[in-house]
């Protein structure tokens, strides 16, 4: 099930504010940038960098994911481990509000999202 039009608008607004705060300075965005997208019931935040040795090609690196669970009306929070699989974020596995998810990612108490 896809997000409703209102949910999508709310997510886009929250992500616009988050990107203003977290996105790298404009002059380095060709070497490191941050983006996001909606994938079904999830919002994925990812970095964009040039491929080593081929700067014309870009690679995406997952940063964080929030998946909305309609039955509980909560957002599950995930980070990607070295095994390239999404795992629940240990200190804060879910959020009631999408903005709460963004605050958890921004704070990154365990260094899982930003290193």
N, C-alpha and C. Protein backbone atom coordinates (compact mmCIF):
# COMPACT_ATOMS: atom_id res chain seq x y z
N UNK A 1 0.84 -1.17 0.00
CA UNK A 1 0.00 0.00 0.00
C UNK A 1 0.89 1.25 0.00
N UNK A 2 0.61 2.16 -0.84
CA UNK A 2 1.39 3.40 -0.94
C UNK A 2 0.92 4.41 0.10
N UNK A 3 1.74 5.42 0.33
CA UNK A 3 1.35 6.49 1.24
C UNK A 3 0.20 7.28 0.64
N UNK A 4 -0.61 7.87 1.51
CA UNK A 4 -1.67 8.75 1.04
C UNK A 4 -1.03 10.04 0.52
N UNK A 5 -1.80 10.85 -0.18
CA UNK A 5 -1.29 12.13 -0.69
C UNK A 5 -0.84 13.02 0.46
N UNK A 6 -1.59 13.03 1.57
CA UNK A 6 -1.22 13.85 2.73
C UNK A 6 0.06 13.34 3.37
N UNK A 7 0.18 12.02 3.52
CA UNK A 7 1.41 11.45 4.10
C UNK A 7 2.62 11.80 3.23
N UNK A 8 2.47 11.70 1.92
CA UNK A 8 3.56 12.03 1.00
C UNK A 8 3.95 13.49 1.13
N UNK A 9 2.96 14.37 1.20
CA UNK A 9 3.24 15.80 1.37
C UNK A 9 3.97 16.06 2.68
N UNK A 10 3.54 15.41 3.75
CA UNK A 10 4.19 15.58 5.06
C UNK A 10 5.63 15.07 5.03
N UNK A 11 5.86 13.93 4.40
CA UNK A 11 7.21 13.37 4.28
C UNK A 11 8.09 14.31 3.46
N UNK A 12 7.58 14.79 2.34
CA UNK A 12 8.36 15.70 1.49
C UNK A 12 8.75 16.97 2.24
N UNK A 13 7.84 17.51 3.02
CA UNK A 13 8.11 18.72 3.79
C UNK A 13 9.18 18.46 4.85
N UNK A 14 9.03 17.38 5.59
CA UNK A 14 10.00 17.04 6.63
C UNK A 14 11.38 16.77 6.03
N UNK A 15 11.40 16.07 4.89
CA UNK A 15 12.68 15.76 4.25
C UNK A 15 13.34 17.02 3.68
N UNK A 16 12.56 17.96 3.20
CA UNK A 16 13.13 19.22 2.70
C UNK A 16 13.87 19.94 3.82
N UNK A 17 13.27 20.00 5.01
CA UNK A 17 13.92 20.63 6.16
C UNK A 17 15.17 19.85 6.57
N UNK A 18 15.07 18.54 6.61
CA UNK A 18 16.20 17.69 6.99
C UNK A 18 17.37 17.86 6.01
N UNK A 19 17.05 17.90 4.72
CA UNK A 19 18.10 18.03 3.70
C UNK A 19 18.78 19.40 3.78
N UNK A 20 18.05 20.43 4.10
CA UNK A 20 18.66 21.75 4.28
C UNK A 20 19.72 21.70 5.37
N UNK A 21 19.43 20.94 6.40
CA UNK A 21 20.32 20.84 7.55
C UNK A 21 21.50 19.90 7.30
N UNK A 22 21.27 18.74 6.67
CA UNK A 22 22.28 17.69 6.60
C UNK A 22 23.04 17.60 5.28
N UNK A 23 22.51 18.18 4.24
CA UNK A 23 23.14 18.05 2.93
C UNK A 23 24.48 18.78 2.91
N UNK A 24 25.50 18.22 2.26
CA UNK A 24 26.81 18.88 2.20
C UNK A 24 26.73 20.23 1.49
N UNK A 25 27.76 21.05 1.73
CA UNK A 25 27.84 22.35 1.06
C UNK A 25 27.77 22.16 -0.45
N UNK A 26 27.18 23.11 -1.13
CA UNK A 26 26.95 23.03 -2.57
C UNK A 26 28.24 22.79 -3.36
N UNK A 27 29.35 23.41 -2.94
CA UNK A 27 30.58 23.30 -3.71
C UNK A 27 31.22 21.90 -3.66
N UNK A 28 30.77 21.01 -2.77
CA UNK A 28 31.33 19.66 -2.76
C UNK A 28 30.33 18.58 -3.18
N UNK A 29 29.15 18.99 -3.57
CA UNK A 29 28.11 18.00 -3.89
C UNK A 29 28.42 17.12 -5.09
N UNK A 30 29.36 17.51 -5.92
CA UNK A 30 29.75 16.62 -7.02
C UNK A 30 30.62 15.48 -6.50
N UNK A 31 31.17 15.62 -5.27
CA UNK A 31 31.99 14.58 -4.66
C UNK A 31 31.28 13.84 -3.53
N UNK A 32 30.30 14.50 -2.93
CA UNK A 32 29.51 13.89 -1.87
C UNK A 32 28.18 14.62 -1.77
N UNK A 33 27.11 13.87 -1.89
CA UNK A 33 25.79 14.48 -1.78
C UNK A 33 24.89 13.55 -0.97
N UNK A 34 23.73 14.04 -0.62
CA UNK A 34 22.75 13.30 0.15
C UNK A 34 21.41 13.43 -0.55
N UNK A 35 20.68 12.32 -0.58
CA UNK A 35 19.37 12.32 -1.24
C UNK A 35 18.45 11.35 -0.49
N UNK A 36 17.21 11.28 -0.94
CA UNK A 36 16.24 10.38 -0.34
C UNK A 36 15.21 9.99 -1.37
N UNK A 37 14.50 8.93 -1.08
CA UNK A 37 13.41 8.50 -1.95
C UNK A 37 12.42 7.66 -1.16
N UNK A 38 11.21 7.60 -1.70
CA UNK A 38 10.17 6.75 -1.13
C UNK A 38 10.19 5.43 -1.90
N UNK A 39 10.22 4.32 -1.15
CA UNK A 39 10.14 2.97 -1.71
C UNK A 39 9.01 2.24 -1.00
N UNK A 40 7.88 2.11 -1.67
CA UNK A 40 6.66 1.53 -1.09
C UNK A 40 6.28 2.24 0.21
N UNK A 41 6.40 1.56 1.36
CA UNK A 41 6.05 2.14 2.66
C UNK A 41 7.28 2.62 3.42
N UNK A 42 8.39 2.80 2.72
CA UNK A 42 9.64 3.20 3.36
C UNK A 42 10.16 4.51 2.77
N UNK A 43 10.94 5.20 3.58
CA UNK A 43 11.71 6.36 3.14
C UNK A 43 13.17 6.01 3.36
N UNK A 44 13.97 6.09 2.30
CA UNK A 44 15.38 5.73 2.37
C UNK A 44 16.22 6.99 2.15
N UNK A 45 17.17 7.22 3.04
CA UNK A 45 18.13 8.30 2.91
C UNK A 45 19.45 7.67 2.48
N UNK A 46 20.10 8.26 1.48
CA UNK A 46 21.34 7.67 0.97
C UNK A 46 22.32 8.76 0.53
N UNK A 47 23.59 8.39 0.54
CA UNK A 47 24.64 9.30 0.07
C UNK A 47 24.93 8.99 -1.39
N UNK A 48 25.48 9.96 -2.10
CA UNK A 48 25.86 9.79 -3.50
C UNK A 48 27.31 10.24 -3.64
N UNK A 49 28.14 9.35 -4.18
CA UNK A 49 29.56 9.64 -4.37
C UNK A 49 30.00 9.13 -5.74
N UNK A 50 31.10 9.68 -6.26
CA UNK A 50 31.64 9.13 -7.50
C UNK A 50 32.30 7.77 -7.23
N UNK A 51 32.27 6.92 -8.22
CA UNK A 51 32.95 5.62 -8.13
C UNK A 51 34.45 5.87 -8.11
N UNK A 52 35.17 5.14 -7.29
CA UNK A 52 36.62 5.28 -7.20
C UNK A 52 37.25 5.02 -8.57
N UNK A 53 38.00 5.98 -9.07
CA UNK A 53 38.68 5.84 -10.35
C UNK A 53 37.84 6.19 -11.56
N UNK A 54 36.56 6.50 -11.36
CA UNK A 54 35.68 6.87 -12.47
C UNK A 54 34.66 7.90 -11.96
N UNK A 55 35.09 9.14 -11.90
CA UNK A 55 34.24 10.17 -11.29
C UNK A 55 32.98 10.49 -12.08
N UNK A 56 32.89 10.02 -13.31
CA UNK A 56 31.68 10.27 -14.09
C UNK A 56 30.55 9.32 -13.68
N UNK A 57 30.87 8.26 -12.97
CA UNK A 57 29.89 7.29 -12.52
C UNK A 57 29.63 7.50 -11.03
N UNK A 58 28.38 7.41 -10.61
CA UNK A 58 28.00 7.65 -9.21
C UNK A 58 27.56 6.35 -8.54
N UNK A 59 27.77 6.30 -7.23
CA UNK A 59 27.34 5.15 -6.43
C UNK A 59 26.54 5.66 -5.24
N UNK A 60 25.53 4.91 -4.85
CA UNK A 60 24.70 5.27 -3.71
C UNK A 60 25.11 4.45 -2.49
N UNK A 61 25.16 5.11 -1.35
CA UNK A 61 25.45 4.42 -0.09
C UNK A 61 24.32 4.63 0.89
N UNK A 62 23.65 3.58 1.31
CA UNK A 62 22.52 3.71 2.22
C UNK A 62 22.93 4.35 3.55
N UNK A 63 22.09 5.24 4.05
CA UNK A 63 22.34 5.89 5.33
C UNK A 63 21.33 5.41 6.36
N UNK A 64 20.04 5.52 6.05
CA UNK A 64 18.98 5.16 7.00
C UNK A 64 17.70 4.85 6.26
N UNK A 65 16.83 4.09 6.94
CA UNK A 65 15.53 3.76 6.36
C UNK A 65 14.48 3.75 7.46
N UNK A 66 13.32 4.31 7.13
CA UNK A 66 12.16 4.24 8.02
C UNK A 66 11.03 3.58 7.24
N UNK A 67 10.43 2.57 7.84
CA UNK A 67 9.31 1.87 7.21
C UNK A 67 8.07 2.06 8.07
N UNK A 68 7.01 2.56 7.44
CA UNK A 68 5.76 2.79 8.16
C UNK A 68 4.97 1.50 8.25
N UNK A 69 4.57 1.15 9.47
CA UNK A 69 3.77 -0.05 9.72
C UNK A 69 2.37 0.42 10.11
N UNK A 70 1.44 0.25 9.19
CA UNK A 70 0.09 0.76 9.39
C UNK A 70 -0.65 0.13 10.55
N UNK A 71 -0.39 -1.15 10.82
CA UNK A 71 -1.11 -1.82 11.90
C UNK A 71 -0.75 -1.27 13.28
N UNK A 72 0.46 -0.76 13.43
CA UNK A 72 0.88 -0.18 14.71
C UNK A 72 0.95 1.34 14.66
N UNK A 73 0.82 1.89 13.46
CA UNK A 73 0.90 3.33 13.24
C UNK A 73 2.24 3.90 13.74
N UNK A 74 3.31 3.16 13.45
CA UNK A 74 4.67 3.55 13.86
C UNK A 74 5.65 3.38 12.71
N UNK A 75 6.77 4.07 12.84
CA UNK A 75 7.87 3.98 11.88
C UNK A 75 8.97 3.10 12.45
N UNK A 76 9.34 2.04 11.76
CA UNK A 76 10.48 1.22 12.17
C UNK A 76 11.74 1.86 11.60
N UNK A 77 12.80 1.91 12.41
CA UNK A 77 14.04 2.58 12.02
C UNK A 77 15.12 1.54 11.76
N UNK A 78 15.80 1.69 10.61
CA UNK A 78 16.82 0.74 10.20
C UNK A 78 18.12 1.43 9.81
N UNK A 79 19.22 0.70 9.96
CA UNK A 79 20.52 1.11 9.45
C UNK A 79 21.10 -0.07 8.70
N UNK A 80 22.01 0.18 7.77
CA UNK A 80 22.59 -0.90 6.98
C UNK A 80 23.94 -1.27 7.55
N UNK A 81 24.07 -2.54 7.88
CA UNK A 81 25.33 -3.05 8.42
C UNK A 81 26.26 -3.45 7.28
N UNK A 82 27.44 -3.88 7.63
CA UNK A 82 28.45 -4.28 6.64
C UNK A 82 28.00 -5.48 5.81
N UNK A 83 27.01 -6.24 6.30
CA UNK A 83 26.50 -7.38 5.52
C UNK A 83 25.54 -6.94 4.42
N UNK A 84 25.38 -5.61 4.27
CA UNK A 84 24.51 -5.00 3.25
C UNK A 84 23.04 -5.36 3.42
N UNK A 85 22.65 -5.58 4.67
CA UNK A 85 21.25 -5.83 5.01
C UNK A 85 20.80 -4.78 6.01
N UNK A 86 19.52 -4.41 5.92
CA UNK A 86 18.96 -3.46 6.88
C UNK A 86 18.72 -4.16 8.20
N UNK A 87 19.10 -3.48 9.30
CA UNK A 87 18.91 -3.99 10.66
C UNK A 87 18.23 -2.92 11.50
N UNK A 88 17.43 -3.36 12.46
CA UNK A 88 16.79 -2.42 13.37
C UNK A 88 17.87 -1.63 14.10
N UNK A 89 17.64 -0.34 14.27
CA UNK A 89 18.60 0.53 14.95
C UNK A 89 18.48 0.27 16.45
N UNK A 90 19.53 -0.26 17.08
CA UNK A 90 19.44 -0.76 18.46
C UNK A 90 18.89 0.20 19.51
N UNK A 91 19.34 1.43 19.62
CA UNK A 91 18.83 2.22 20.74
C UNK A 91 17.44 2.81 20.53
N UNK A 92 16.96 2.79 19.30
CA UNK A 92 15.68 3.43 19.00
C UNK A 92 15.06 2.71 17.80
N UNK A 93 14.40 1.62 18.05
CA UNK A 93 13.92 0.74 16.97
C UNK A 93 12.71 1.27 16.22
N UNK A 94 11.96 2.18 16.82
CA UNK A 94 10.79 2.72 16.13
C UNK A 94 10.48 4.13 16.60
N UNK A 95 9.67 4.79 15.81
CA UNK A 95 9.27 6.17 16.11
C UNK A 95 7.76 6.30 15.90
N UNK A 96 7.15 7.15 16.67
CA UNK A 96 5.73 7.41 16.51
C UNK A 96 5.50 8.36 15.33
N UNK A 97 6.39 9.36 15.21
CA UNK A 97 6.25 10.36 14.16
C UNK A 97 7.45 10.32 13.23
N UNK A 98 7.26 10.70 11.98
CA UNK A 98 8.35 10.71 11.01
C UNK A 98 9.46 11.66 11.44
N UNK A 99 9.09 12.81 11.99
CA UNK A 99 10.09 13.76 12.48
C UNK A 99 10.96 13.16 13.58
N UNK A 100 10.39 12.27 14.36
CA UNK A 100 11.15 11.57 15.40
C UNK A 100 12.23 10.69 14.77
N UNK A 101 11.89 10.00 13.69
CA UNK A 101 12.87 9.22 12.93
C UNK A 101 14.01 10.11 12.47
N UNK A 102 13.69 11.26 11.89
CA UNK A 102 14.73 12.17 11.40
C UNK A 102 15.62 12.67 12.54
N UNK A 103 15.05 12.91 13.69
CA UNK A 103 15.84 13.35 14.85
C UNK A 103 16.80 12.25 15.29
N UNK A 104 16.35 11.01 15.28
CA UNK A 104 17.21 9.87 15.64
C UNK A 104 18.37 9.76 14.66
N UNK A 105 18.09 9.88 13.38
CA UNK A 105 19.14 9.81 12.35
C UNK A 105 20.11 10.97 12.51
N UNK A 106 19.59 12.15 12.75
CA UNK A 106 20.43 13.33 12.90
C UNK A 106 21.37 13.20 14.10
N UNK A 107 20.84 12.72 15.23
CA UNK A 107 21.64 12.58 16.45
C UNK A 107 22.63 11.43 16.33
N UNK A 108 22.21 10.30 15.77
CA UNK A 108 23.06 9.14 15.52
C UNK A 108 23.92 8.78 16.73
N UNK A 109 23.28 8.48 17.84
CA UNK A 109 23.98 8.19 19.10
C UNK A 109 25.01 7.07 18.98
N UNK A 110 24.78 6.08 18.13
CA UNK A 110 25.69 4.94 18.00
C UNK A 110 26.64 5.04 16.81
N UNK A 111 26.58 6.11 16.05
CA UNK A 111 27.47 6.24 14.90
C UNK A 111 27.15 5.28 13.77
N UNK A 112 25.91 4.82 13.70
CA UNK A 112 25.52 3.86 12.67
C UNK A 112 25.16 4.53 11.34
N UNK A 113 24.61 5.73 11.37
CA UNK A 113 24.16 6.39 10.16
C UNK A 113 25.26 7.21 9.51
N UNK A 114 25.96 7.99 10.29
CA UNK A 114 26.95 8.93 9.76
C UNK A 114 28.39 8.51 10.02
N UNK A 115 28.58 7.40 10.70
CA UNK A 115 29.95 6.89 10.90
C UNK A 115 30.59 7.31 12.17
